[in-house]
N, C-alpha and C. Protein backbone atom coordinates (compact mmCIF):
# COMPACT_ATOMS: atom_id res chain seq x y z
N ASP A 1 -16.67 -4.52 -16.45
CA ASP A 1 -16.18 -4.93 -17.52
C ASP A 1 -15.54 -4.11 -18.42
N GLY A 2 -15.45 -2.73 -18.09
CA GLY A 2 -14.76 -1.68 -18.89
C GLY A 2 -15.71 -1.15 -20.18
N ARG A 3 -16.84 -1.61 -20.28
CA ARG A 3 -17.72 -1.17 -21.30
C ARG A 3 -18.71 0.00 -20.94
N ARG A 4 -18.53 0.43 -19.72
CA ARG A 4 -19.62 1.59 -19.30
C ARG A 4 -19.15 2.73 -19.74
N LYS A 5 -19.82 3.93 -20.15
CA LYS A 5 -19.29 4.87 -20.53
C LYS A 5 -18.70 5.90 -19.50
N GLY A 6 -18.94 5.65 -18.11
CA GLY A 6 -18.09 6.40 -17.25
C GLY A 6 -16.66 5.86 -17.29
N TRP A 7 -16.36 4.63 -17.53
CA TRP A 7 -15.09 4.18 -17.71
C TRP A 7 -14.16 4.92 -18.71
N GLN A 8 -15.14 5.10 -19.98
CA GLN A 8 -14.54 5.78 -21.20
C GLN A 8 -14.24 7.10 -20.93
N LEU A 9 -15.20 7.91 -20.09
CA LEU A 9 -14.86 9.12 -19.74
C LEU A 9 -13.74 9.34 -18.98
N ILE A 10 -13.41 8.34 -17.95
CA ILE A 10 -12.31 8.52 -17.25
C ILE A 10 -11.02 8.26 -17.92
N TRP A 11 -10.91 7.28 -18.76
CA TRP A 11 -9.54 6.81 -19.33
C TRP A 11 -9.44 7.58 -20.47
N LYS A 12 -10.32 8.28 -21.18
CA LYS A 12 -10.10 9.05 -22.60
C LYS A 12 -9.99 10.71 -22.14
N CYS A 13 -10.41 10.97 -20.90
CA CYS A 13 -10.23 12.52 -20.61
C CYS A 13 -8.85 12.86 -20.60
N ASP A 14 -8.80 14.05 -21.23
CA ASP A 14 -7.49 14.75 -21.52
C ASP A 14 -6.82 15.56 -20.26
N ILE A 15 -6.54 14.70 -19.38
CA ILE A 15 -5.93 15.16 -17.93
C ILE A 15 -4.99 14.25 -17.72
N PRO A 16 -3.95 14.78 -16.67
CA PRO A 16 -2.76 13.78 -16.28
C PRO A 16 -3.18 12.60 -15.96
N PRO A 17 -2.42 11.54 -16.19
CA PRO A 17 -2.81 10.30 -16.01
C PRO A 17 -3.00 9.98 -14.18
N SER A 18 -2.26 10.85 -13.54
CA SER A 18 -2.48 10.85 -11.87
C SER A 18 -3.99 11.17 -11.61
N ALA A 19 -4.50 12.21 -12.26
CA ALA A 19 -6.03 12.51 -12.13
C ALA A 19 -6.95 11.42 -12.67
N ARG A 20 -6.56 10.86 -13.75
CA ARG A 20 -7.37 9.74 -14.37
C ARG A 20 -7.37 8.58 -13.31
N ASN A 21 -6.12 8.34 -12.65
CA ASN A 21 -6.31 7.23 -11.65
C ASN A 21 -6.85 7.48 -10.31
N PHE A 22 -6.82 8.97 -10.02
CA PHE A 22 -7.85 9.22 -8.75
C PHE A 22 -9.18 8.94 -9.16
N ALA A 23 -9.76 9.45 -10.33
CA ALA A 23 -10.99 9.39 -10.54
C ALA A 23 -11.43 7.80 -10.56
N TRP A 24 -10.62 7.06 -11.37
CA TRP A 24 -11.04 5.70 -11.12
C TRP A 24 -11.03 5.11 -9.74
N ARG A 25 -10.10 5.56 -9.03
CA ARG A 25 -10.02 5.09 -7.42
C ARG A 25 -11.27 5.58 -6.90
N VAL A 26 -11.79 6.59 -7.22
CA VAL A 26 -12.90 7.06 -6.35
C VAL A 26 -14.11 6.09 -7.13
N ALA A 27 -14.38 5.90 -8.21
CA ALA A 27 -15.28 5.14 -8.95
C ALA A 27 -15.34 3.72 -8.36
N VAL A 28 -14.10 3.17 -8.07
CA VAL A 28 -14.18 1.88 -7.56
C VAL A 28 -14.04 1.72 -6.03
N ASP A 29 -14.14 2.85 -5.41
CA ASP A 29 -14.21 2.78 -3.85
C ASP A 29 -12.74 2.17 -3.47
N SER A 30 -11.76 2.81 -3.87
CA SER A 30 -10.20 2.22 -3.32
C SER A 30 -9.59 3.25 -2.66
N LEU A 31 -9.99 4.45 -2.48
CA LEU A 31 -9.22 5.43 -1.80
C LEU A 31 -9.08 5.03 -0.33
N PRO A 32 -7.96 5.46 0.26
CA PRO A 32 -7.90 5.06 1.77
C PRO A 32 -8.70 5.98 2.53
N THR A 33 -10.03 5.94 2.57
CA THR A 33 -10.73 6.79 3.42
C THR A 33 -10.82 6.00 4.91
N TRP A 34 -11.31 6.65 5.62
CA TRP A 34 -11.40 6.07 7.02
C TRP A 34 -12.37 4.75 7.12
N GLN A 35 -13.27 4.81 6.38
CA GLN A 35 -14.14 3.84 6.34
C GLN A 35 -13.39 2.60 5.87
N ASN A 36 -12.74 2.71 4.68
CA ASN A 36 -12.00 1.44 4.09
C ASN A 36 -10.91 1.11 4.84
N LYS A 37 -10.24 2.05 5.54
CA LYS A 37 -9.16 1.54 6.44
C LYS A 37 -9.63 0.84 7.81
N HIS A 38 -10.96 1.24 8.16
CA HIS A 38 -11.63 0.59 9.23
C HIS A 38 -11.98 -0.67 9.06
N LYS A 39 -12.51 -0.77 7.71
CA LYS A 39 -12.95 -2.30 7.07
C LYS A 39 -11.58 -3.20 7.32
N ARG A 40 -10.54 -2.75 6.98
CA ARG A 40 -9.45 -3.62 6.78
C ARG A 40 -8.62 -3.57 8.20
N GLY A 41 -9.27 -3.08 9.20
CA GLY A 41 -8.66 -3.26 10.56
C GLY A 41 -7.61 -2.37 10.90
N LEU A 42 -7.45 -1.24 10.06
CA LEU A 42 -6.35 -0.24 10.24
C LEU A 42 -6.63 0.83 11.08
N GLU A 43 -7.86 1.05 11.35
CA GLU A 43 -8.28 2.16 12.15
C GLU A 43 -9.57 1.66 13.01
N THR A 44 -9.64 2.67 14.14
CA THR A 44 -10.52 2.32 15.00
C THR A 44 -11.81 2.83 14.89
N SER A 45 -11.95 3.87 14.06
CA SER A 45 -13.04 4.79 13.70
C SER A 45 -13.32 4.87 12.51
N GLU A 46 -14.46 5.10 12.00
CA GLU A 46 -14.83 5.26 10.55
C GLU A 46 -15.30 6.82 10.13
N LEU A 47 -15.18 7.44 11.41
CA LEU A 47 -15.68 8.79 11.32
C LEU A 47 -14.50 9.59 10.51
N CYS A 48 -15.00 10.81 9.90
CA CYS A 48 -13.93 11.86 9.33
C CYS A 48 -13.40 12.62 10.56
N THR A 49 -11.81 12.59 10.25
CA THR A 49 -11.25 13.01 11.44
C THR A 49 -11.32 14.69 11.23
N LEU A 50 -11.64 15.35 10.29
CA LEU A 50 -11.82 16.73 10.31
C LEU A 50 -13.23 17.23 10.81
N CYS A 51 -14.23 16.69 10.60
CA CYS A 51 -15.56 17.20 11.19
C CYS A 51 -16.15 16.26 12.10
N ALA A 52 -15.84 14.87 12.08
CA ALA A 52 -16.25 14.03 13.20
C ALA A 52 -17.91 14.03 13.21
N THR A 53 -18.48 14.14 12.05
CA THR A 53 -19.77 14.16 11.85
C THR A 53 -20.53 12.85 11.33
N GLU A 54 -19.64 12.46 10.35
CA GLU A 54 -20.20 11.28 9.51
C GLU A 54 -19.17 10.44 9.19
N LEU A 55 -19.42 9.12 8.96
CA LEU A 55 -18.61 8.15 8.10
C LEU A 55 -17.77 8.78 6.95
N GLU A 56 -16.26 8.65 6.91
CA GLU A 56 -15.77 9.14 5.60
C GLU A 56 -15.66 7.94 4.70
N ASP A 57 -16.72 8.25 3.84
CA ASP A 57 -16.47 7.27 2.54
C ASP A 57 -16.13 8.16 1.36
N ASN A 58 -16.28 7.76 0.23
CA ASN A 58 -15.60 8.31 -1.08
C ASN A 58 -16.40 9.57 -1.16
N PHE A 59 -17.75 9.73 -0.96
CA PHE A 59 -18.51 10.94 -0.96
C PHE A 59 -18.32 11.91 0.00
N HIS A 60 -18.18 11.54 1.18
CA HIS A 60 -18.10 12.54 2.33
C HIS A 60 -17.09 13.73 2.12
N PRO A 61 -15.65 13.48 1.88
CA PRO A 61 -14.70 14.46 1.94
C PRO A 61 -15.07 15.54 0.82
N PHE A 62 -15.59 15.17 -0.31
CA PHE A 62 -15.69 16.08 -1.43
C PHE A 62 -16.95 16.82 -1.38
N LEU A 63 -18.13 16.22 -0.88
CA LEU A 63 -19.35 17.05 -0.78
C LEU A 63 -20.26 17.00 0.30
N ARG A 64 -19.74 16.33 1.45
CA ARG A 64 -20.37 16.35 2.62
C ARG A 64 -19.89 17.04 3.79
N CYS A 65 -18.63 16.72 3.92
CA CYS A 65 -17.73 17.48 4.87
C CYS A 65 -17.53 19.07 4.61
N PRO A 66 -18.08 19.76 5.76
CA PRO A 66 -17.78 21.12 5.67
C PRO A 66 -16.71 21.80 4.88
N LEU A 67 -15.39 21.24 5.30
CA LEU A 67 -14.40 21.64 4.52
C LEU A 67 -14.36 21.16 3.15
N GLY A 68 -14.80 20.30 2.68
CA GLY A 68 -15.00 19.80 1.31
C GLY A 68 -16.01 20.68 0.55
N ARG A 69 -17.16 21.12 1.20
CA ARG A 69 -18.07 21.91 0.70
C ARG A 69 -17.58 23.22 0.48
N ASN A 70 -16.74 23.73 1.31
CA ASN A 70 -16.08 24.93 1.11
C ASN A 70 -15.00 25.09 0.00
N LEU A 71 -14.18 24.05 -0.28
CA LEU A 71 -13.38 23.91 -1.29
C LEU A 71 -14.34 23.74 -2.67
N TRP A 72 -15.47 23.04 -2.64
CA TRP A 72 -16.06 22.90 -3.90
C TRP A 72 -16.73 24.46 -4.20
N HIS A 73 -17.13 25.06 -3.26
CA HIS A 73 -17.52 26.64 -3.54
C HIS A 73 -16.58 27.32 -4.02
N THR A 74 -15.52 27.32 -3.61
CA THR A 74 -14.22 28.25 -3.92
C THR A 74 -13.89 27.80 -5.50
N MET A 75 -13.77 26.54 -5.45
CA MET A 75 -13.53 25.94 -6.97
C MET A 75 -14.85 26.51 -7.95
N ALA A 76 -15.89 26.42 -7.66
CA ALA A 76 -17.00 26.88 -8.46
C ALA A 76 -16.91 28.52 -8.87
N GLU A 77 -16.06 29.10 -8.00
CA GLU A 77 -15.96 30.62 -8.40
C GLU A 77 -15.06 30.58 -9.56
N VAL A 78 -14.18 29.69 -9.92
CA VAL A 78 -13.27 29.53 -11.12
C VAL A 78 -13.73 28.54 -12.21
N TRP A 79 -14.44 27.54 -11.95
CA TRP A 79 -14.72 26.67 -12.70
C TRP A 79 -16.25 26.50 -12.94
N SER A 80 -16.95 25.99 -13.82
CA SER A 80 -18.14 25.80 -14.16
C SER A 80 -18.57 24.39 -13.38
N LEU A 81 -18.99 24.26 -12.32
CA LEU A 81 -19.15 23.01 -11.46
C LEU A 81 -20.62 23.15 -11.38
N PRO A 82 -21.24 21.90 -11.18
CA PRO A 82 -22.84 22.05 -11.07
C PRO A 82 -23.00 22.38 -9.35
N ASP A 83 -24.27 22.82 -9.41
CA ASP A 83 -24.64 23.00 -7.75
C ASP A 83 -24.33 21.84 -6.98
N ILE A 84 -23.74 22.02 -5.93
CA ILE A 84 -23.28 20.95 -5.03
C ILE A 84 -24.48 20.26 -4.50
N ASN A 85 -25.68 20.81 -4.43
CA ASN A 85 -26.79 20.19 -3.74
C ASN A 85 -27.32 19.25 -4.86
N MET A 86 -26.95 19.38 -6.10
CA MET A 86 -27.65 18.53 -7.12
C MET A 86 -26.87 17.10 -7.25
N VAL A 87 -25.82 17.33 -6.48
CA VAL A 87 -24.77 15.96 -6.74
C VAL A 87 -25.31 14.90 -5.67
N GLU A 88 -25.76 13.69 -5.99
CA GLU A 88 -26.55 12.90 -5.05
C GLU A 88 -25.43 11.62 -4.76
N HIS A 89 -25.58 11.28 -3.68
CA HIS A 89 -24.87 9.71 -3.43
C HIS A 89 -25.79 8.85 -3.60
N THR A 90 -25.78 8.08 -4.84
CA THR A 90 -26.69 7.06 -5.13
C THR A 90 -25.99 5.67 -4.80
N GLY A 91 -24.98 5.65 -4.16
CA GLY A 91 -24.46 4.29 -3.96
C GLY A 91 -23.02 4.33 -4.13
N LYS A 92 -22.32 3.02 -4.41
CA LYS A 92 -20.95 2.85 -4.62
C LYS A 92 -20.56 3.63 -5.85
N GLU A 93 -21.07 3.99 -6.74
CA GLU A 93 -20.66 4.57 -7.81
C GLU A 93 -21.37 5.84 -8.19
N TRP A 94 -21.37 6.78 -7.36
CA TRP A 94 -21.96 7.91 -7.46
C TRP A 94 -21.53 8.95 -8.56
């Protein structure tokens, strides 16, 4: 309903509108992941096409896929990011 603090954090953040939109799409599970495309009958498989080890949901490409984890570690060398092992998938709105 727009009253949650997470929405305020996204929409009031001082970043380009495209980045806010991307964060919102992650939060509402509307990214074109293989899992979402499979649900809509657009793909035959839900597996990540890069690692083929797990379903590609919103969480997988950023924190579970080996390539995403490598990117996270590289970005952590420049920016102050939390330890990747501390970020948990707690459901649709992780």
